[in-house]
Amino acid sequence: MPFANPERLKALWLGPFGWPGYESKNNLNKLPCEPGVYLQTYPHPNGFLIYCAGLTRRPVTKRHKEHTRKYLSGEYTVLKTDVIFEGKREEVWHGWGWTPEKRAEFTRRESEIRAAAEKQLAECRIFLAKIGTAPRLLERIEASIMAALYDQPPPVSTIPDRGMQLAPRWPDEEPIILHNLKAECILGLPKELEI
């Protein structure tokens, strides 16, 4: 049986902000110390391309400091930012999972990988929607945004990571319609999204 009259929410996307600790390199505003859903994006001639959506119930600045450590230590995938601007995805380093061979490769290439990671963080533009801290709401928004990106034509679908641990709406959960405000410049972010 279909659900009747889904709840409606608004997400006001604030930004773009600089990555914490890298704002001054591009004269960007500092990320607010708020929880919510965030978008890591990169400039493109037509707006901003989303690399990933994330969520945090803690201050987003604290979450991004954790992300920084993981980028610089090789745990996360590092992209070549010069080609993101062209709508292309090229990996300098593929994170996620360690083998003895991969650890040796990281040690051998550490300065190159860290330099590329620093550049990626400096070029990143973050948008934030202060939407509360309800875990399922944040998870559903994150999952719906990523699903919407995967269904878009390139370059929107080219840049995002795949294989994220996402938690979309469960069949027994009532749908919610999310209206994304000020999302015109964020490529691939629908004005209205069912979560």
Protein backbone atom coordinates (compact mmCIF):
# COMPACT_ATOMS: atom_id res chain seq x y z
CA MET A 1 0.00 0.00 0.00
CA PRO A 2 1.49 3.38 -0.97
CA PHE A 3 2.20 5.95 1.68
CA ALA A 4 -0.06 9.00 1.63
CA ASN A 5 1.08 12.61 1.99
CA PRO A 6 4.79 12.23 2.65
CA GLU A 7 6.39 14.59 5.14
CA ARG A 8 8.23 17.52 3.55
CA LEU A 9 11.52 19.00 4.74
CA LYS A 10 13.76 21.79 3.51
CA ALA A 11 17.53 21.65 3.32
CA LEU A 12 19.25 25.01 2.93
CA TRP A 13 22.72 24.32 1.51
CA LEU A 14 25.21 26.78 2.98
CA GLY A 15 28.56 27.33 1.34
CA PRO A 16 30.87 26.92 -0.35
CA PHE A 17 33.28 26.65 2.56
CA GLY A 18 36.93 25.70 2.58
CA TRP A 19 38.27 22.48 4.03
CA PRO A 20 39.24 23.08 7.69
CA GLY A 21 42.88 24.16 7.80
CA TYR A 22 43.02 24.92 4.06
CA GLU A 23 40.60 27.86 3.79
CA SER A 24 43.28 30.53 3.57
CA LYS A 25 44.88 28.94 0.48
CA ASN A 26 41.85 29.96 -1.58
CA ASN A 27 40.47 32.77 0.61
CA LEU A 28 37.36 30.75 1.50
CA ASN A 29 34.98 31.01 4.43
CA LYS A 30 35.43 28.68 7.39
CA LEU A 31 33.11 25.75 7.81
CA PRO A 32 30.61 26.29 10.66
CA CYS A 33 30.92 24.08 13.76
CA GLU A 34 27.53 22.45 13.20
CA PRO A 35 26.24 18.92 12.62
CA GLY A 36 24.32 17.91 9.50
CA VAL A 37 24.77 16.58 5.99
CA TYR A 38 27.68 17.86 3.96
CA LEU A 39 28.78 17.73 0.34
CA GLN A 40 32.41 17.63 -0.68
CA THR A 41 32.52 19.30 -4.09
CA TYR A 42 34.97 20.61 -6.67
CA PRO A 43 34.58 23.63 -8.96
CA HIS A 44 33.48 22.95 -12.53
CA PRO A 45 32.67 25.51 -15.26
CA ASN A 46 28.93 24.88 -14.70
CA GLY A 47 28.95 24.88 -10.89
CA PHE A 48 30.24 22.38 -8.33
CA LEU A 49 30.64 18.64 -8.89
CA ILE A 50 29.88 16.47 -5.87
CA TYR A 51 32.59 14.02 -4.88
CA CYS A 52 30.65 12.65 -1.92
CA ALA A 53 27.88 13.30 0.56
CA GLY A 54 28.52 12.67 4.22
CA LEU A 55 26.83 13.09 7.56
CA THR A 56 27.80 13.90 11.09
CA ARG A 57 25.98 14.37 14.36
CA ARG A 58 29.08 16.12 15.74
CA PRO A 59 30.54 19.38 14.45
CA VAL A 60 31.34 18.98 10.77
CA THR A 61 34.73 20.61 11.40
CA LYS A 62 35.67 17.79 13.77
CA ARG A 63 34.55 15.19 11.21
CA HIS A 64 36.67 16.82 8.51
CA LYS A 65 39.75 16.77 10.74
CA GLU A 66 39.27 12.99 10.89
CA HIS A 67 38.92 12.92 7.10
CA THR A 68 42.15 14.93 6.79
CA ARG A 69 44.12 12.33 8.76
CA LYS A 70 42.73 9.53 6.60
CA TYR A 71 43.55 11.31 3.34
CA LEU A 72 47.11 12.06 4.42
CA SER A 73 47.71 8.53 5.74
CA GLY A 74 46.54 6.83 2.53
CA GLU A 75 43.36 5.36 3.97
CA TYR A 76 41.19 7.31 1.50
CA THR A 77 41.37 7.48 -2.27
CA VAL A 78 43.23 10.56 -3.54
CA LEU A 79 42.19 12.16 -6.82
CA LYS A 80 44.05 14.25 -9.33
CA THR A 81 42.23 17.56 -8.91
CA ASP A 82 43.35 19.14 -12.20
CA VAL A 83 41.11 16.78 -14.15
CA ILE A 84 38.13 16.98 -11.78
CA PHE A 85 37.65 20.52 -13.09
CA GLU A 86 37.22 18.92 -16.53
CA GLY A 87 34.68 16.43 -15.19
CA LYS A 88 37.11 13.50 -15.18
CA ARG A 89 38.10 11.16 -12.38
CA GLU A 90 41.72 10.02 -12.12
CA GLU A 91 43.10 8.41 -8.99
CA VAL A 92 46.56 9.23 -7.71
CA TRP A 93 46.08 6.62 -4.99
CA HIS A 94 43.34 4.09 -4.33
CA GLY A 95 42.71 3.89 -0.59
CA TRP A 96 40.53 1.40 1.28
CA GLY A 97 42.17 -1.79 2.43
CA TRP A 98 45.78 -2.65 3.11
CA THR A 99 48.00 -5.50 2.01
CA PRO A 100 51.74 -5.74 2.68
CA GLU A 101 52.37 -4.81 -0.98
CA LYS A 102 50.08 -1.82 -0.81
CA ARG A 103 51.68 -0.61 2.43
CA ALA A 104 55.11 -0.85 0.78
CA GLU A 105 53.84 1.10 -2.23
CA PHE A 106 52.40 3.81 0.02
CA THR A 107 55.72 4.08 1.88
CA ARG A 108 57.56 4.38 -1.44
CA ARG A 109 55.13 7.00 -2.83
CA GLU A 110 54.15 8.74 0.42
CA SER A 111 55.41 12.23 -0.44
CA GLU A 112 53.68 12.17 -3.85
CA ILE A 113 50.40 10.86 -2.38
CA ARG A 114 50.43 13.32 0.53
CA ALA A 115 51.11 16.25 -1.83
CA ALA A 116 48.18 15.20 -4.04
CA ALA A 117 45.97 14.77 -0.95
CA GLU A 118 46.91 18.26 0.30
CA LYS A 119 46.00 19.69 -3.10
CA GLN A 120 42.69 17.80 -3.10
CA LEU A 121 41.77 19.15 0.33
CA ALA A 122 42.75 22.71 -0.62
CA GLU A 123 40.62 22.58 -3.80
CA CYS A 124 37.58 21.03 -2.12
CA ARG A 125 34.50 23.20 -1.51
CA ILE A 126 32.12 22.05 1.20
CA PHE A 127 28.39 22.70 1.40
CA LEU A 128 26.46 22.04 4.61
CA ALA A 129 22.77 21.56 5.39
CA LYS A 130 21.97 21.97 9.08
CA ILE A 131 19.18 19.41 9.18
CA GLY A 132 19.40 18.17 12.77
CA THR A 133 21.03 15.09 14.25
CA ALA A 134 18.40 12.34 13.88
CA PRO A 135 20.53 9.39 12.69
CA ARG A 136 18.04 7.83 10.26
CA LEU A 137 17.19 11.18 8.69
CA LEU A 138 20.85 11.98 8.07
CA GLU A 139 21.53 8.47 6.71
CA ARG A 140 18.57 8.63 4.36
CA ILE A 141 19.56 12.04 3.01
CA GLU A 142 23.16 10.92 2.41
CA ALA A 143 22.05 7.71 0.65
CA SER A 144 19.46 9.50 -1.51
CA ILE A 145 21.95 12.12 -2.67
CA MET A 146 24.53 9.51 -3.62
CA ALA A 147 21.90 7.41 -5.45
CA ALA A 148 20.79 10.51 -7.38
CA LEU A 149 24.39 11.19 -8.43
CA TYR A 150 24.96 7.62 -9.65
CA ASP A 151 21.89 7.93 -11.91
CA GLN A 152 23.11 11.14 -13.61
CA PRO A 153 25.04 11.31 -16.89
CA PRO A 154 28.74 12.22 -16.81
CA PRO A 155 30.39 14.29 -15.45
CA VAL A 156 28.01 14.23 -12.44
CA SER A 157 28.16 10.41 -12.14
CA THR A 158 31.90 10.22 -12.93
CA ILE A 159 33.38 11.94 -9.88
CA PRO A 160 31.65 10.32 -6.84
CA ASP A 161 33.11 7.36 -4.99
CA ARG A 162 31.30 4.05 -5.34
CA GLY A 163 30.91 1.36 -2.71
CA MET A 164 30.07 3.65 0.20
CA GLN A 165 28.24 2.10 3.14
CA LEU A 166 24.89 3.79 2.67
CA ALA A 167 21.60 3.31 4.52
CA PRO A 168 18.69 4.33 2.26
CA ARG A 169 15.04 4.36 3.29
CA TRP A 170 13.79 1.02 4.56
CA PRO A 171 10.58 -0.35 2.96
CA ASP A 172 8.59 0.20 6.16
CA GLU A 173 9.74 3.84 6.59
CA GLU A 174 7.47 6.54 5.28
CA PRO A 175 9.02 8.57 2.48
CA ILE A 176 10.06 12.16 3.09
CA ILE A 177 10.32 14.75 0.34
CA LEU A 178 13.42 16.91 0.75
CA HIS A 179 13.45 20.31 -0.95
CA ASN A 180 17.05 21.40 -1.61
CA LEU A 181 17.28 25.18 -1.38
CA LYS A 182 20.09 27.14 -3.03
CA ALA A 183 21.23 23.97 -4.81
CA GLU A 184 21.24 25.49 -8.31
CA CYS A 185 25.03 25.64 -8.47
CA ILE A 186 25.54 22.09 -7.13
CA LEU A 187 25.49 19.83 -10.16
CA GLY A 188 23.36 16.71 -9.86
CA LEU A 189 21.62 17.72 -6.64
CA PRO A 190 17.88 17.52 -7.41
CA LYS A 191 15.70 20.39 -6.25
CA GLU A 192 13.36 17.78 -4.82
CA LEU A 193 14.48 14.40 -3.54
CA GLU A 194 12.54 11.53 -2.03
CA ILE A 195 14.42 10.14 0.93
